[in-house]
């Protein structure tokens, strides 16, 4: 495989992994009624059976749905959970199952409706299902049908990707899940479950009715304690900010941590005396009417971003939660909710992060003697540095000589005029800066000509940058996995999983548990 996977430097030191008391003593276990909420294929089906054992544990991660599984980091999260589960099972001798939680309640269609793939001509192509009308209801992804718009998107994916031995199988996998009659959440869940089945990954859909019934106890508790929770969250945010830490989720504004599906779609429940009012639709709800809703249509209520990990810790025997940088930033804000709902928190662990470096990119880095970080330099600066060595020696020497002469002679002049009037020194200094500025402009003009004469170098550096930092962002936050699966097949996922296993081996474990 003409591809190598490199692990990025860890951005957060992982804490000691210790088994939560409720998981250690077996008092927290997966309810058998939740079986219908899980998705498992192939080898992962045995894990689905094991998860209901009294002593089973979970390593969890999750993400909101995305087109064709969304950005690469989605898959990296799931593989991180799978790798850590393998390690913890070996250490503890207990069943440890990697569970991927699909946040199908999410209503951000603008994030779920597209993905990015690199074309045969090295262009970064946005594949988009459709746009949602700004005035439309904020429909959760588990209710958002894919619809007939998927046909031209699949055709575009087929057209812009190379014809390889792996492509038929990859297209079959995508086409079997992203079908018009499916919703975005179930399509995403099925695609992830099938793709990662051989790593034992089990996918959980919390929007399924039985899952919502299992969560209802904690959703109701969050509603009954909404006012006190809002104040506690406000105090916690102030405490974090006083310590110089981030508090990215807005709290303390008179809102609950529970969302409800109303006539305007998924809506925030604001505290209104002893009742609640939806933020957009202004619908009035009492605790009693919300309790009835939980009994009759539990799928219409869902946790917000801070309550969600608490609910997850309450319904799954989680030993570790694999989180991205955004989640690691906001999880410390959720501590008052864990306390109020008497839920023992799981341990957040930073996911594996890395880059897939294709052969032509490796060749470009080696050819020009540059590192990955050099590709982050401002546009044009790297090209200038690389091409500077290709300036004719006579031109480079002349530019250097002129610069040295200007600095030397203007310095001499500044000293001389001081004998006449010290105020004249400022004039000389300004003139020197002007001369150096003009000299820099001359050098830029020369470099533009050099770049034109070295289009191959400029193109190769641009391609390398587009491969590792597309649109100025890390590769894993932009590209969809189909880009690599079509080109390298399962070898790509195997290589990533190897790096994830190495990453899992670096995590610290406590002597008292996992």
Foldseek 3Di string as FASTA:
>chain_A
DQWAWDFDPDPDAFDAFFFDPCLQVLVAAFDPLQLVQKDADDQLVVVSVQRRDSNEAEAEEEDEFAQLLAFQVSLLLQLLRLLLQVVQCVVFVGRYAYEYEYPQQQQPCVRRFWAWFQFPVRDIDIQGQDDDDPQAFSAGQQPAFSAPSVVVSLVVVVPRADQDPLVVVSSVLLPVQNDRGGGRRRSNQNSSNVLCNVSNYMYGYCLPLSNLLLLVVLLLLQLQCFVVLLVLLVVLQVVQVVVVAHAPDDGNPQWTQKWFQDPRGTFTWGDDPQWTATDPVRDTGHSVNVNVCCVVPSSGMDGHPLCVQQSVQRNGSYSEYEDEPVCVRNNSSNVVSCVSSVGDGHGYDYGTDIAMQGNLLVVLCVVQVHDPVLLLPPPPPSLCVSCVVVPDPVVVVVLVVVLVVLVVVLVVVLVVCVVVPNVCSVVSVVVSVVVVVVSVVVVVVVSVVSCVVVVVSVVSSVSSSCRQQNVNHGSSNHHDCVNVCSVPNCVVVVSSSVVSSVVSVPHHHDPNGD
